[in-house]
Amino acid sequence: MEYIYAAMILHSAEKDINEENVKSIIEAAGIEADDARIKALIAALEDVDIDEAMETTAMAAAAPAAAAPAAAEAVEEEEEEEEEEEEVTEEAAAAGLGALFG
């Protein structure tokens, strides 16, 4: 993850995302830089529009947060239905016992 964060920092600072810059950020953070991971990161980000990727991720993260109130409401409705079923069951049981004892 540190390598991704380094790329995001460089992008935010409007610097080139290249091996030298990523390595300098990783080392500045006190982490021993792995040249193979840096090369893999640079290769993976070659055709990626970082602004678009970050926007898409932000929108995807916002969607579950917006859906949370609806999910909570659905859970409450289910609990209410279960309580109603229990009440009906208790009433039915009482009626059944009344019929046994006359």
N, C-alpha and C. Protein backbone atom coordinates (compact mmCIF):
# COMPACT_ATOMS: atom_id res chain seq x y z
N MET A 1 0.81 -1.19 0.00
CA MET A 1 0.00 0.00 0.00
C MET A 1 0.86 1.26 0.00
N GLU A 2 2.01 1.17 0.63
CA GLU A 2 2.87 2.35 0.72
C GLU A 2 3.23 2.87 -0.66
N TYR A 3 3.40 1.96 -1.59
CA TYR A 3 3.79 2.34 -2.94
C TYR A 3 2.64 3.08 -3.64
N ILE A 4 1.42 2.62 -3.40
CA ILE A 4 0.24 3.30 -3.96
C ILE A 4 0.12 4.69 -3.36
N TYR A 5 0.31 4.77 -2.04
CA TYR A 5 0.25 6.08 -1.38
C TYR A 5 1.32 7.03 -1.92
N ALA A 6 2.50 6.50 -2.17
CA ALA A 6 3.57 7.33 -2.74
C ALA A 6 3.15 7.87 -4.10
N ALA A 7 2.53 7.03 -4.91
CA ALA A 7 2.06 7.47 -6.22
C ALA A 7 0.96 8.53 -6.07
N MET A 8 0.08 8.36 -5.09
CA MET A 8 -0.99 9.33 -4.87
C MET A 8 -0.42 10.67 -4.39
N ILE A 9 0.59 10.62 -3.55
CA ILE A 9 1.24 11.85 -3.09
C ILE A 9 1.87 12.58 -4.26
N LEU A 10 2.59 11.84 -5.09
CA LEU A 10 3.21 12.45 -6.27
C LEU A 10 2.15 13.06 -7.19
N HIS A 11 1.06 12.35 -7.37
CA HIS A 11 -0.01 12.85 -8.23
C HIS A 11 -0.61 14.13 -7.64
N SER A 12 -0.86 14.13 -6.34
CA SER A 12 -1.43 15.31 -5.68
C SER A 12 -0.49 16.51 -5.76
N ALA A 13 0.81 16.22 -5.71
CA ALA A 13 1.81 17.29 -5.80
C ALA A 13 2.11 17.67 -7.25
N GLU A 14 1.41 17.02 -8.18
CA GLU A 14 1.59 17.25 -9.61
C GLU A 14 3.03 17.01 -10.06
N LYS A 15 3.63 15.96 -9.48
CA LYS A 15 4.99 15.54 -9.85
C LYS A 15 4.88 14.30 -10.73
N ASP A 16 5.94 14.02 -11.47
CA ASP A 16 5.97 12.81 -12.29
C ASP A 16 5.99 11.58 -11.40
N ILE A 17 5.20 10.60 -11.77
CA ILE A 17 5.21 9.33 -11.05
C ILE A 17 6.20 8.44 -11.78
N ASN A 18 7.42 8.44 -11.28
CA ASN A 18 8.47 7.62 -11.87
C ASN A 18 9.22 6.89 -10.75
N GLU A 19 10.11 6.00 -11.16
CA GLU A 19 10.81 5.16 -10.18
C GLU A 19 11.59 5.98 -9.16
N GLU A 20 12.28 6.98 -9.63
CA GLU A 20 13.11 7.80 -8.74
C GLU A 20 12.26 8.53 -7.69
N ASN A 21 11.16 9.13 -8.12
CA ASN A 21 10.31 9.88 -7.19
C ASN A 21 9.61 8.97 -6.18
N VAL A 22 9.11 7.83 -6.66
CA VAL A 22 8.45 6.88 -5.75
C VAL A 22 9.46 6.37 -4.73
N LYS A 23 10.65 6.03 -5.20
CA LYS A 23 11.69 5.52 -4.29
C LYS A 23 12.06 6.56 -3.24
N SER A 24 12.15 7.81 -3.64
CA SER A 24 12.52 8.85 -2.66
C SER A 24 11.44 9.02 -1.59
N ILE A 25 10.17 8.90 -1.96
CA ILE A 25 9.08 9.01 -0.97
C ILE A 25 9.09 7.81 -0.04
N ILE A 26 9.27 6.63 -0.59
CA ILE A 26 9.30 5.41 0.23
C ILE A 26 10.44 5.48 1.23
N GLU A 27 11.61 5.88 0.76
CA GLU A 27 12.77 5.97 1.65
C GLU A 27 12.60 7.10 2.67
N ALA A 28 11.95 8.19 2.29
CA ALA A 28 11.70 9.29 3.22
C ALA A 28 10.77 8.85 4.35
N ALA A 29 9.94 7.86 4.06
CA ALA A 29 9.03 7.33 5.07
C ALA A 29 9.72 6.31 5.98
N GLY A 30 10.98 6.04 5.71
CA GLY A 30 11.73 5.11 6.54
C GLY A 30 11.56 3.66 6.16
N ILE A 31 11.11 3.43 4.94
CA ILE A 31 10.88 2.07 4.45
C ILE A 31 11.95 1.74 3.41
N GLU A 32 12.45 0.51 3.48
CA GLU A 32 13.43 0.09 2.48
C GLU A 32 12.71 -0.15 1.16
N ALA A 33 13.11 0.58 0.14
CA ALA A 33 12.45 0.51 -1.15
C ALA A 33 12.78 -0.79 -1.88
N ASP A 34 11.77 -1.40 -2.46
CA ASP A 34 11.92 -2.61 -3.25
C ASP A 34 11.79 -2.21 -4.72
N ASP A 35 12.92 -2.24 -5.43
CA ASP A 35 12.94 -1.78 -6.82
C ASP A 35 11.96 -2.55 -7.71
N ALA A 36 11.79 -3.84 -7.45
CA ALA A 36 10.87 -4.64 -8.27
C ALA A 36 9.43 -4.16 -8.08
N ARG A 37 9.06 -3.86 -6.85
CA ARG A 37 7.70 -3.38 -6.57
C ARG A 37 7.49 -2.00 -7.19
N ILE A 38 8.52 -1.18 -7.15
CA ILE A 38 8.41 0.16 -7.73
C ILE A 38 8.22 0.06 -9.24
N LYS A 39 9.00 -0.81 -9.87
CA LYS A 39 8.87 -0.99 -11.32
C LYS A 39 7.49 -1.53 -11.68
N ALA A 40 7.00 -2.47 -10.89
CA ALA A 40 5.67 -3.03 -11.12
C ALA A 40 4.59 -1.95 -10.97
N LEU A 41 4.74 -1.09 -9.98
CA LEU A 41 3.78 -0.01 -9.78
C LEU A 41 3.78 0.94 -10.97
N ILE A 42 4.96 1.35 -11.40
CA ILE A 42 5.07 2.28 -12.52
C ILE A 42 4.46 1.66 -13.78
N ALA A 43 4.72 0.38 -14.01
CA ALA A 43 4.15 -0.31 -15.17
C ALA A 43 2.63 -0.40 -15.06
N ALA A 44 2.12 -0.67 -13.87
CA ALA A 44 0.67 -0.81 -13.68
C ALA A 44 -0.05 0.52 -13.86
N LEU A 45 0.60 1.61 -13.48
CA LEU A 45 -0.04 2.92 -13.57
C LEU A 45 0.16 3.61 -14.91
N GLU A 46 0.87 2.96 -15.81
CA GLU A 46 1.23 3.56 -17.10
C GLU A 46 0.01 4.06 -17.87
N ASP A 47 -1.05 3.28 -17.95
CA ASP A 47 -2.24 3.63 -18.73
C ASP A 47 -3.43 4.01 -17.85
N VAL A 48 -3.18 4.35 -16.60
CA VAL A 48 -4.27 4.67 -15.67
C VAL A 48 -4.43 6.17 -15.54
N ASP A 49 -5.68 6.63 -15.64
CA ASP A 49 -6.00 8.03 -15.38
C ASP A 49 -6.31 8.10 -13.87
N ILE A 50 -5.35 8.59 -13.11
CA ILE A 50 -5.46 8.55 -11.65
C ILE A 50 -6.63 9.40 -11.17
N ASP A 51 -6.87 10.56 -11.78
CA ASP A 51 -8.01 11.38 -11.39
C ASP A 51 -9.32 10.62 -11.53
N GLU A 52 -9.47 9.93 -12.64
CA GLU A 52 -10.69 9.15 -12.89
C GLU A 52 -10.80 7.99 -11.91
N ALA A 53 -9.69 7.32 -11.65
CA ALA A 53 -9.70 6.19 -10.73
C ALA A 53 -10.07 6.64 -9.32
N MET A 54 -9.54 7.77 -8.90
CA MET A 54 -9.86 8.27 -7.56
C MET A 54 -11.32 8.72 -7.47
N GLU A 55 -11.84 9.32 -8.54
CA GLU A 55 -13.23 9.75 -8.55
C GLU A 55 -14.16 8.54 -8.52
N THR A 56 -13.85 7.53 -9.30
CA THR A 56 -14.66 6.31 -9.32
C THR A 56 -14.65 5.64 -7.95
N THR A 57 -13.50 5.60 -7.31
CA THR A 57 -13.39 4.99 -5.99
C THR A 57 -14.19 5.79 -4.96
N ALA A 58 -14.12 7.11 -5.05
CA ALA A 58 -14.86 7.95 -4.11
C ALA A 58 -16.36 7.76 -4.29
N MET A 59 -16.81 7.63 -5.53
CA MET A 59 -18.23 7.43 -5.79
C MET A 59 -18.67 6.05 -5.30
N ALA A 60 -17.82 5.05 -5.47
CA ALA A 60 -18.14 3.70 -5.02
C ALA A 60 -18.21 3.64 -3.51
N ALA A 61 -17.37 4.40 -2.84
CA ALA A 61 -17.38 4.42 -1.38
C ALA A 61 -18.60 5.17 -0.86
N ALA A 62 -19.06 6.16 -1.60
CA ALA A 62 -20.22 6.95 -1.17
C ALA A 62 -21.51 6.16 -1.34
N ALA A 63 -21.58 5.28 -2.31
CA ALA A 63 -22.81 4.52 -2.57
C ALA A 63 -23.24 3.67 -1.38
N PRO A 64 -22.36 2.89 -0.75
CA PRO A 64 -22.79 2.13 0.41
C PRO A 64 -23.21 3.02 1.58
N ALA A 65 -22.55 4.15 1.72
CA ALA A 65 -22.91 5.06 2.81
C ALA A 65 -24.31 5.61 2.59
N ALA A 66 -24.67 5.88 1.36
CA ALA A 66 -26.01 6.38 1.05
C ALA A 66 -27.06 5.29 1.23
N ALA A 67 -26.67 4.05 1.02
CA ALA A 67 -27.61 2.94 1.14
C ALA A 67 -27.78 2.48 2.59
N ALA A 68 -26.93 2.88 3.47
CA ALA A 68 -26.98 2.42 4.86
C ALA A 68 -28.30 2.75 5.55
N PRO A 69 -28.87 3.96 5.41
CA PRO A 69 -30.15 4.22 6.07
C PRO A 69 -31.27 3.30 5.57
N ALA A 70 -31.28 3.03 4.28
CA ALA A 70 -32.30 2.14 3.73
C ALA A 70 -32.13 0.72 4.27
N ALA A 71 -30.90 0.28 4.41
CA ALA A 71 -30.65 -1.06 4.95
C ALA A 71 -31.08 -1.14 6.41
N ALA A 72 -30.81 -0.09 7.17
CA ALA A 72 -31.22 -0.08 8.58
C ALA A 72 -32.73 -0.11 8.69
N GLU A 73 -33.41 0.61 7.81
CA GLU A 73 -34.87 0.63 7.83
C GLU A 73 -35.42 -0.76 7.50
N ALA A 74 -34.81 -1.45 6.55
CA ALA A 74 -35.25 -2.79 6.18
C ALA A 74 -35.08 -3.76 7.35
N VAL A 75 -33.99 -3.62 8.09
CA VAL A 75 -33.76 -4.48 9.25
C VAL A 75 -34.82 -4.22 10.31
N GLU A 76 -35.14 -2.94 10.54
CA GLU A 76 -36.17 -2.60 11.52
C GLU A 76 -37.52 -3.19 11.13
N GLU A 77 -37.85 -3.12 9.83
CA GLU A 77 -39.12 -3.69 9.35
C GLU A 77 -39.15 -5.19 9.58
N GLU A 78 -38.05 -5.86 9.33
CA GLU A 78 -38.00 -7.31 9.55
C GLU A 78 -38.20 -7.64 11.02
N GLU A 79 -37.58 -6.85 11.90
CA GLU A 79 -37.73 -7.09 13.33
C GLU A 79 -39.17 -6.88 13.76
N GLU A 80 -39.83 -5.86 13.22
CA GLU A 80 -41.23 -5.61 13.55
C GLU A 80 -42.11 -6.76 13.08
N GLU A 81 -41.84 -7.28 11.87
CA GLU A 81 -42.60 -8.40 11.36
C GLU A 81 -42.43 -9.63 12.24
N GLU A 82 -41.19 -9.88 12.71
CA GLU A 82 -40.94 -11.01 13.58
C GLU A 82 -41.70 -10.87 14.90
N GLU A 83 -41.73 -9.63 15.44
CA GLU A 83 -42.46 -9.40 16.67
C GLU A 83 -43.95 -9.64 16.48
N GLU A 84 -44.51 -9.22 15.32
CA GLU A 84 -45.91 -9.45 15.02
C GLU A 84 -46.20 -10.95 14.93
N GLU A 85 -45.29 -11.69 14.30
CA GLU A 85 -45.46 -13.13 14.18
C GLU A 85 -45.45 -13.78 15.56
N GLU A 86 -44.58 -13.32 16.44
CA GLU A 86 -44.53 -13.87 17.79
C GLU A 86 -45.82 -13.59 18.54
N GLU A 87 -46.37 -12.37 18.38
CA GLU A 87 -47.62 -12.02 19.04
C GLU A 87 -48.75 -12.92 18.55
N VAL A 88 -48.82 -13.12 17.25
CA VAL A 88 -49.85 -13.99 16.68
C VAL A 88 -49.68 -15.40 17.21
N THR A 89 -48.48 -15.86 17.30
CA THR A 89 -48.22 -17.20 17.79
C THR A 89 -48.65 -17.34 19.25
N GLU A 90 -48.37 -16.33 20.07
CA GLU A 90 -48.78 -16.37 21.47
C GLU A 90 -50.29 -16.35 21.59
N GLU A 91 -50.96 -15.55 20.76
CA GLU A 91 -52.42 -15.49 20.78
C GLU A 91 -53.02 -16.83 20.37
N ALA A 92 -52.46 -17.42 19.35
CA ALA A 92 -52.93 -18.72 18.88
C ALA A 92 -52.73 -19.78 19.95
N ALA A 93 -51.61 -19.72 20.63
CA ALA A 93 -51.34 -20.68 21.70
C ALA A 93 -52.34 -20.52 22.83
N ALA A 94 -52.63 -19.26 23.19
CA ALA A 94 -53.60 -19.01 24.26
C ALA A 94 -54.98 -19.52 23.87
N ALA A 95 -55.37 -19.29 22.62
CA ALA A 95 -56.68 -19.78 22.15
C ALA A 95 -56.72 -21.30 22.17
N GLY A 96 -55.63 -21.90 21.76
CA GLY A 96 -55.57 -23.36 21.76
C GLY A 96 -55.67 -23.93 23.15
N LEU A 97 -55.01 -23.32 24.13
CA LEU A 97 -55.09 -23.78 25.50
C LEU A 97 -56.51 -23.57 26.06
N GLY A 98 -57.14 -22.46 25.67
CA GLY A 98 -58.52 -22.19 26.11
C GLY A 98 -59.46 -23.27 25.59
N ALA A 99 -59.25 -23.74 24.37
CA ALA A 99 -60.09 -24.78 23.82
C ALA A 99 -59.88 -26.10 24.52
N LEU A 100 -58.68 -26.36 25.00
CA LEU A 100 -58.41 -27.60 25.72
C LEU A 100 -59.12 -27.63 27.07
N PHE A 101 -59.14 -26.48 27.75
CA PHE A 101 -59.67 -26.44 29.09
C PHE A 101 -61.11 -25.91 29.14
N GLY A 102 -61.66 -25.70 28.02
CA GLY A 102 -63.01 -25.46 27.87
C GLY A 102 -63.76 -24.28 28.04
